[in-house]
PDB file of N, CA and C in Angstrom:
ATOM      1  N   MET A   1     -24.621 -32.915  31.712  1.00  0.00           N
ATOM      2  CA  MET A   1     -24.704 -33.066  30.272  1.00  0.00           C
ATOM      3  C   MET A   1     -22.925 -32.744  29.713  1.00  0.00           C
ATOM      4  N   GLN A   2     -23.503 -33.580  28.414  1.00  0.00           N
ATOM      5  CA  GLN A   2     -22.339 -33.753  27.962  1.00  0.00           C
ATOM      6  C   GLN A   2     -22.465 -33.423  26.301  1.00  0.00           C
ATOM      7  N   THR A   3     -21.486 -32.444  25.567  1.00  0.00           N
ATOM      8  CA  THR A   3     -21.863 -32.242  23.904  1.00  0.00           C
ATOM      9  C   THR A   3     -20.973 -32.789  23.183  1.00  0.00           C
ATOM     10  N   LYS A   4     -20.646 -33.667  22.359  1.00  0.00           N
ATOM     11  CA  LYS A   4     -19.592 -34.144  21.737  1.00  0.00           C
ATOM     12  C   LYS A   4     -20.346 -33.952  20.336  1.00  0.00           C
ATOM     13  N   LEU A   5     -18.909 -33.687  19.059  1.00  0.00           N
ATOM     14  CA  LEU A   5     -19.133 -33.414  17.419  1.00  0.00           C
ATOM     15  C   LEU A   5     -19.034 -34.919  17.190  1.00  0.00           C
ATOM     16  N   ILE A   6     -20.106 -35.548  16.516  1.00  0.00           N
ATOM     17  CA  ILE A   6     -19.468 -36.616  16.042  1.00  0.00           C
ATOM     18  C   ILE A   6     -19.658 -36.543  14.167  1.00  0.00           C
ATOM     19  N   THR A   7     -18.905 -37.530  12.986  1.00  0.00           N
ATOM     20  CA  THR A   7     -19.463 -37.700  12.227  1.00  0.00           C
ATOM     21  C   THR A   7     -19.639 -38.870  11.999  1.00  0.00           C
ATOM     22  N   ILE A   8     -20.596 -39.333  10.795  1.00  0.00           N
ATOM     23  CA  ILE A   8     -21.071 -40.685  10.633  1.00  0.00           C
ATOM     24  C   ILE A   8     -21.521 -40.468   8.848  1.00  0.00           C
ATOM     25  N   GLU A   9     -21.700 -41.549   8.355  1.00  0.00           N
ATOM     26  CA  GLU A   9     -21.509 -41.631   6.894  1.00  0.00           C
ATOM     27  C   GLU A   9     -22.974 -42.384   7.141  1.00  0.00           C
ATOM     28  N   VAL A  10     -24.111 -42.324   6.007  1.00  0.00           N
ATOM     29  CA  VAL A  10     -24.938 -42.575   6.035  1.00  0.00           C
ATOM     30  C   VAL A  10     -25.475 -43.307   4.338  1.00  0.00           C
ATOM     31  N   SER A  11     -25.926 -44.168   3.715  1.00  0.00           N
ATOM     32  CA  SER A  11     -26.484 -44.437   2.451  1.00  0.00           C
ATOM     33  C   SER A  11     -27.012 -43.261   1.875  1.00  0.00           C
ATOM     34  N   LEU A  12     -27.354 -42.915   1.095  1.00  0.00           N
ATOM     35  CA  LEU A  12     -28.005 -42.230   0.267  1.00  0.00           C
ATOM     36  C   LEU A  12     -29.439 -43.407  -0.334  1.00  0.00           C
ATOM     37  N   LEU A  13     -28.851 -44.197  -0.663  1.00  0.00           N
ATOM     38  CA  LEU A  13     -30.093 -45.577  -1.123  1.00  0.00           C
ATOM     39  C   LEU A  13     -30.991 -45.956  -0.437  1.00  0.00           C
ATOM     40  N   ALA A  14     -32.021 -46.384  -0.557  1.00  0.00           N
ATOM     41  CA  ALA A  14     -33.499 -46.947   0.189  1.00  0.00           C
ATOM     42  C   ALA A  14     -33.178 -48.085   0.081  1.00  0.00           C
ATOM     43  N   PRO A  15     -33.812 -48.625   1.661  1.00  0.00           N
ATOM     44  CA  PRO A  15     -33.578 -50.078   1.815  1.00  0.00           C
ATOM     45  C   PRO A  15     -34.556 -50.956   0.992  1.00  0.00           C
ATOM     46  N   PRO A  16     -34.084 -52.156   0.557  1.00  0.00           N
ATOM     47  CA  PRO A  16     -34.579 -53.115   0.261  1.00  0.00           C
ATOM     48  C   PRO A  16     -36.109 -53.210   0.418  1.00  0.00           C
ATOM     49  N   GLY A  17     -37.210 -52.889  -0.035  1.00  0.00           N
ATOM     50  CA  GLY A  17     -38.759 -53.251   0.600  1.00  0.00           C
ATOM     51  C   GLY A  17     -38.985 -51.647   0.765  1.00  0.00           C
ATOM     52  N   LYS A  18     -37.832 -51.004   0.580  1.00  0.00           N
ATOM     53  CA  LYS A  18     -38.857 -49.684   1.587  1.00  0.00           C
ATOM     54  C   LYS A  18     -38.928 -48.944   0.218  1.00  0.00           C
ATOM     55  N   LEU A  19     -39.209 -49.340  -1.352  1.00  0.00           N
ATOM     56  CA  LEU A  19     -39.260 -48.119  -2.471  1.00  0.00           C
ATOM     57  C   LEU A  19     -40.568 -46.905  -2.627  1.00  0.00           C
ATOM     58  N   ARG A  20     -41.768 -46.609  -1.219  1.00  0.00           N
ATOM     59  CA  ARG A  20     -42.193 -45.454  -1.212  1.00  0.00           C
ATOM     60  C   ARG A  20     -40.457 -44.266  -0.792  1.00  0.00           C
ATOM     61  N   ALA A  21     -39.424 -44.856  -0.028  1.00  0.00           N
ATOM     62  CA  ALA A  21     -38.652 -44.136   0.398  1.00  0.00           C
ATOM     63  C   ALA A  21     -37.546 -43.395  -1.341  1.00  0.00           C
ATOM     64  N   ALA A  22     -38.240 -44.212  -2.119  1.00  0.00           N
ATOM     65  CA  ALA A  22     -36.904 -43.375  -2.819  1.00  0.00           C
ATOM     66  C   ALA A  22     -37.411 -42.860  -4.043  1.00  0.00           C
ATOM     67  N   VAL A  23     -37.025 -41.706  -4.552  1.00  0.00           N
ATOM     68  CA  VAL A  23     -37.421 -40.775  -5.923  1.00  0.00           C
ATOM     69  C   VAL A  23     -37.998 -41.591  -6.982  1.00  0.00           C
ATOM     70  N   ALA A  24     -38.936 -41.861  -7.448  1.00  0.00           N
ATOM     71  CA  ALA A  24     -39.486 -42.458  -8.608  1.00  0.00           C
ATOM     72  C   ALA A  24     -38.844 -43.027  -9.138  1.00  0.00           C
ATOM     73  N   GLY A  25     -38.131 -44.077 -10.129  1.00  0.00           N
ATOM     74  CA  GLY A  25     -37.462 -44.221 -11.445  1.00  0.00           C
ATOM     75  C   GLY A  25     -35.516 -44.102 -10.298  1.00  0.00           C
ATOM     76  N   SER A  26     -35.692 -44.076  -9.369  1.00  0.00           N
ATOM     77  CA  SER A  26     -34.516 -44.236  -8.607  1.00  0.00           C
ATOM     78  C   SER A  26     -34.106 -44.598  -7.371  1.00  0.00           C
ATOM     79  N   ASP A  27     -33.187 -45.594  -6.883  1.00  0.00           N
ATOM     80  CA  ASP A  27     -33.070 -45.783  -5.244  1.00  0.00           C
ATOM     81  C   ASP A  27     -32.945 -45.119  -4.600  1.00  0.00           C
ATOM     82  N   VAL A  28     -32.750 -44.061  -4.812  1.00  0.00           N
ATOM     83  CA  VAL A  28     -31.957 -42.567  -3.730  1.00  0.00           C
ATOM     84  C   VAL A  28     -32.852 -42.280  -3.745  1.00  0.00           C
ATOM     85  N   MET A  29     -32.732 -42.666  -1.950  1.00  0.00           N
ATOM     86  CA  MET A  29     -33.923 -41.493  -1.260  1.00  0.00           C
ATOM     87  C   MET A  29     -34.617 -40.768  -1.678  1.00  0.00           C
ATOM     88  N   ARG A  30     -35.822 -40.207  -1.227  1.00  0.00           N
ATOM     89  CA  ARG A  30     -36.445 -38.904  -0.950  1.00  0.00           C
ATOM     90  C   ARG A  30     -35.704 -38.188   0.059  1.00  0.00           C
ATOM     91  N   SER A  31     -35.283 -36.949  -0.287  1.00  0.00           N
ATOM     92  CA  SER A  31     -35.255 -35.731   1.103  1.00  0.00           C
ATOM     93  C   SER A  31     -35.997 -36.294   2.351  1.00  0.00           C
ATOM     94  N   ASP A  32     -37.244 -36.420   2.715  1.00  0.00           N
ATOM     95  CA  ASP A  32     -37.469 -36.758   3.911  1.00  0.00           C
ATOM     96  C   ASP A  32     -37.625 -37.867   4.488  1.00  0.00           C
ATOM     97  N   ALA A  33     -37.059 -38.863   3.662  1.00  0.00           N
ATOM     98  CA  ALA A  33     -36.532 -40.344   3.681  1.00  0.00           C
ATOM     99  C   ALA A  33     -35.167 -40.011   4.670  1.00  0.00           C
ATOM    100  N   LEU A  34     -34.351 -39.266   3.881  1.00  0.00           N
ATOM    101  CA  LEU A  34     -32.758 -39.782   4.335  1.00  0.00           C
ATOM    102  C   LEU A  34     -32.554 -38.456   5.486  1.00  0.00           C
ATOM    103  N   ARG A  35     -33.885 -37.146   5.404  1.00  0.00           N
ATOM    104  CA  ARG A  35     -33.724 -36.470   6.954  1.00  0.00           C
ATOM    105  C   ARG A  35     -34.267 -37.542   7.887  1.00  0.00           C
ATOM    106  N   SER A  36     -34.658 -38.014   7.961  1.00  0.00           N
ATOM    107  CA  SER A  36     -35.388 -39.285   8.849  1.00  0.00           C
ATOM    108  C   SER A  36     -34.661 -40.424   9.218  1.00  0.00           C
ATOM    109  N   HIS A  37     -34.074 -40.696   8.584  1.00  0.00           N
ATOM    110  CA  HIS A  37     -33.350 -41.897   8.377  1.00  0.00           C
ATOM    111  C   HIS A  37     -31.489 -40.742   8.824  1.00  0.00           C
ATOM    112  N   ILE A  38     -31.044 -39.901   8.274  1.00  0.00           N
ATOM    113  CA  ILE A  38     -30.610 -39.305   9.417  1.00  0.00           C
ATOM    114  C   ILE A  38     -30.351 -39.565  10.806  1.00  0.00           C
ATOM    115  N   GLU A  39     -31.450 -38.604  11.404  1.00  0.00           N
ATOM    116  CA  GLU A  39     -32.035 -38.012  13.025  1.00  0.00           C
ATOM    117  C   GLU A  39     -31.962 -38.990  12.923  1.00  0.00           C
ATOM    118  N   THR A  40     -32.751 -40.659  13.147  1.00  0.00           N
ATOM    119  CA  THR A  40     -32.764 -41.742  13.617  1.00  0.00           C
ATOM    120  C   THR A  40     -30.893 -42.459  14.179  1.00  0.00           C
ATOM    121  N   THR A  41     -30.093 -41.945  12.903  1.00  0.00           N
ATOM    122  CA  THR A  41     -29.257 -42.656  13.403  1.00  0.00           C
ATOM    123  C   THR A  41     -28.456 -41.913  14.189  1.00  0.00           C
ATOM    124  N   LEU A  42     -28.341 -40.094  14.325  1.00  0.00           N
ATOM    125  CA  LEU A  42     -27.717 -39.633  15.178  1.00  0.00           C
ATOM    126  C   LEU A  42     -28.491 -40.046  16.361  1.00  0.00           C
ATOM    127  N   SER A  43     -30.099 -40.341  16.719  1.00  0.00           N
ATOM    128  CA  SER A  43     -30.274 -40.917  17.748  1.00  0.00           C
ATOM    129  C   SER A  43     -29.424 -41.795  19.088  1.00  0.00           C
ATOM    130  N   ASP A  44     -28.949 -42.590  17.782  1.00  0.00           N
ATOM    131  CA  ASP A  44     -28.540 -43.920  18.590  1.00  0.00           C
ATOM    132  C   ASP A  44     -26.952 -43.289  19.237  1.00  0.00           C
ATOM    133  N   HIS A  45     -26.492 -42.057  18.986  1.00  0.00           N
ATOM    134  CA  HIS A  45     -25.166 -41.281  19.445  1.00  0.00           C
ATOM    135  C   HIS A  45     -25.537 -40.034  20.287  1.00  0.00           C
ATOM    136  N   GLY A  46     -26.814 -39.735  20.774  1.00  0.00           N
ATOM    137  CA  GLY A  46     -27.068 -39.086  21.713  1.00  0.00           C
ATOM    138  C   GLY A  46     -28.113 -38.367  21.234  1.00  0.00           C
ATOM    139  N   ASP A  47     -28.634 -36.760  21.512  1.00  0.00           N
ATOM    140  CA  ASP A  47     -29.783 -36.430  21.151  1.00  0.00           C
ATOM    141  C   ASP A  47     -29.141 -35.216  20.691  1.00  0.00           C
ATOM    142  N   PRO A  48     -29.631 -35.173  19.046  1.00  0.00           N
ATOM    143  CA  PRO A  48     -28.640 -34.624  17.760  1.00  0.00           C
ATOM    144  C   PRO A  48     -29.197 -32.739  18.216  1.00  0.00           C
ATOM    145  N   LEU A  49     -28.867 -32.019  18.486  1.00  0.00           N
ATOM    146  CA  LEU A  49     -28.167 -30.392  18.378  1.00  0.00           C
ATOM    147  C   LEU A  49     -29.014 -30.150  17.038  1.00  0.00           C
ATOM    148  N   ARG A  50     -28.323 -30.286  16.388  1.00  0.00           N
ATOM    149  CA  ARG A  50     -27.856 -29.532  15.099  1.00  0.00           C
ATOM    150  C   ARG A  50     -26.611 -30.349  14.181  1.00  0.00           C
ATOM    151  N   TRP A  51     -27.653 -30.791  12.979  1.00  0.00           N
ATOM    152  CA  TRP A  51     -26.427 -31.546  12.535  1.00  0.00           C
ATOM    153  C   TRP A  51     -26.266 -31.395  10.569  1.00  0.00           C
ATOM    154  N   ALA A  52     -25.905 -31.202   9.901  1.00  0.00           N
ATOM    155  CA  ALA A  52     -25.400 -30.808   8.086  1.00  0.00           C
ATOM    156  C   ALA A  52     -24.638 -31.515   7.538  1.00  0.00           C
ATOM    157  N   ILE A  53     -24.815 -31.909   6.302  1.00  0.00           N
ATOM    158  CA  ILE A  53     -24.847 -32.915   5.642  1.00  0.00           C
ATOM    159  C   ILE A  53     -23.423 -32.047   4.836  1.00  0.00           C
ATOM    160  N   THR A  54     -21.888 -33.075   5.253  1.00  0.00           N
ATOM    161  CA  THR A  54     -21.265 -31.823   4.652  1.00  0.00           C
ATOM    162  C   THR A  54     -20.407 -32.317   3.592  1.00  0.00           C
ATOM    163  N   ALA A  55     -20.753 -33.081   3.203  1.00  0.00           N
ATOM    164  CA  ALA A  55     -20.358 -34.256   1.896  1.00  0.00           C
ATOM    165  C   ALA A  55     -20.987 -35.065   1.113  1.00  0.00           C
ATOM    166  N   ILE A  56     -20.889 -35.358   0.162  1.00  0.00           N
ATOM    167  CA  ILE A  56     -21.599 -36.422  -1.032  1.00  0.00           C
ATOM    168  C   ILE A  56     -20.708 -37.106  -1.714  1.00  0.00           C
ATOM    169  N   ASP A  57     -20.899 -38.793  -1.169  1.00  0.00           N
ATOM    170  CA  ASP A  57     -19.929 -39.065  -2.377  1.00  0.00           C
ATOM    171  C   ASP A  57     -20.435 -40.292  -3.183  1.00  0.00           C
ATOM    172  N   LYS A  58     -20.587 -39.087  -4.705  1.00  0.00           N
ATOM    173  CA  LYS A  58     -21.501 -39.345  -5.639  1.00  0.00           C
ATOM    174  C   LYS A  58     -21.120 -41.447  -5.909  1.00  0.00           C
ATOM    175  N   ASP A  59     -19.892 -41.752  -6.074  1.00  0.00           N
ATOM    176  CA  ASP A  59     -19.227 -43.329  -6.290  1.00  0.00           C
ATOM    177  C   ASP A  59     -19.732 -43.746  -5.365  1.00  0.00           C
ATOM    178  N   ASN A  60     -19.864 -44.045  -3.944  1.00  0.00           N
ATOM    179  CA  ASN A  60     -20.653 -44.966  -3.113  1.00  0.00           C
ATOM    180  C   ASN A  60     -21.780 -44.689  -2.800  1.00  0.00           C
ATOM    181  N   GLN A  61     -22.192 -43.444  -3.201  1.00  0.00           N
ATOM    182  CA  GLN A  61     -23.362 -43.125  -3.096  1.00  0.00           C
ATOM    183  C   GLN A  61     -23.704 -42.821  -1.260  1.00  0.00           C
ATOM    184  N   THR A  62     -22.858 -42.372  -0.951  1.00  0.00           N
ATOM    185  CA  THR A  62     -23.434 -42.122   0.881  1.00  0.00           C
ATOM    186  C   THR A  62     -22.917 -40.400   1.139  1.00  0.00           C
ATOM    187  N   ALA A  63     -23.071 -40.182   2.119  1.00  0.00           N
ATOM    188  CA  ALA A  63     -23.049 -38.775   3.230  1.00  0.00           C
ATOM    189  C   ALA A  63     -22.590 -38.488   4.125  1.00  0.00           C
ATOM    190  N   HIS A  64     -22.050 -37.662   4.472  1.00  0.00           N
ATOM    191  CA  HIS A  64     -21.224 -37.486   5.396  1.00  0.00           C
ATOM    192  C   HIS A  64     -21.918 -36.873   6.229  1.00  0.00           C
ATOM    193  N   VAL A  65     -22.471 -36.678   7.283  1.00  0.00           N
ATOM    194  CA  VAL A  65     -22.840 -35.920   8.617  1.00  0.00           C
ATOM    195  C   VAL A  65     -22.142 -35.540   9.440  1.00  0.00           C
ATOM    196  N   GLU A  66     -21.906 -34.794   9.686  1.00  0.00           N
ATOM    197  CA  GLU A  66     -21.746 -34.331  10.891  1.00  0.00           C
ATOM    198  C   GLU A  66     -22.543 -33.849  11.700  1.00  0.00           C
ATOM    199  N   ALA A  67     -22.358 -33.611  13.431  1.00  0.00           N
ATOM    200  CA  ALA A  67     -23.345 -33.133  14.389  1.00  0.00           C
ATOM    201  C   ALA A  67     -22.345 -33.217  15.687  1.00  0.00           C
ATOM    202  N   VAL A  68     -23.719 -32.344  16.233  1.00  0.00           N
ATOM    203  CA  VAL A  68     -23.310 -32.152  17.555  1.00  0.00           C
ATOM    204  C   VAL A  68     -24.893 -33.089  18.594  1.00  0.00           C
ATOM    205  N   VAL A  69     -24.327 -33.797  19.321  1.00  0.00           N
ATOM    206  CA  VAL A  69     -25.191 -34.450  20.050  1.00  0.00           C
ATOM    207  C   VAL A  69     -24.916 -34.578  21.821  1.00  0.00           C
ATOM    208  N   THR A  70     -26.066 -34.790  22.614  1.00  0.00           N
ATOM    209  CA  THR A  70     -25.601 -34.136  23.808  1.00  0.00           C
ATOM    210  C   THR A  70     -25.693 -35.656  23.959  1.00  0.00           C
ATOM    211  N   LEU A  71     -25.146 -35.962  25.557  1.00  0.00           N
ATOM    212  CA  LEU A  71     -25.500 -37.102  26.244  1.00  0.00           C
ATOM    213  C   LEU A  71     -25.709 -36.923  27.654  1.00  0.00           C
ATOM    214  N   ILE A  72     -26.815 -37.287  28.458  1.00  0.00           N
ATOM    215  CA  ILE A  72     -26.820 -37.213  29.584  1.00  0.00           C
ATOM    216  C   ILE A  72     -26.362 -38.642  30.266  1.00  0.00           C
ATOM    217  N   LYS A  73     -25.796 -37.715  31.608  1.00  0.00           N
ATOM    218  CA  LYS A  73     -24.392 -38.388  32.216  1.00  0.00           C
ATOM    219  C   LYS A  73     -24.936 -39.054  33.959  1.00  0.00           C
TER     220      LYS A  73
END
């Protein structure tokens, strides 16, 4: 088993057609939808042990996430 520190950038905006994931009157994802989106994106890189949003870019509507993931070889 190998652990790895990764960083990813995810959009804060709800994808088109998924307005139920957005905050009312906005295109920004609700917190539960954002958490699910981050965990799904991280699973592409391994099994996430822990993760945190480390920065928000208001201009680009993105969140920077740092995570520790495990890889089974």
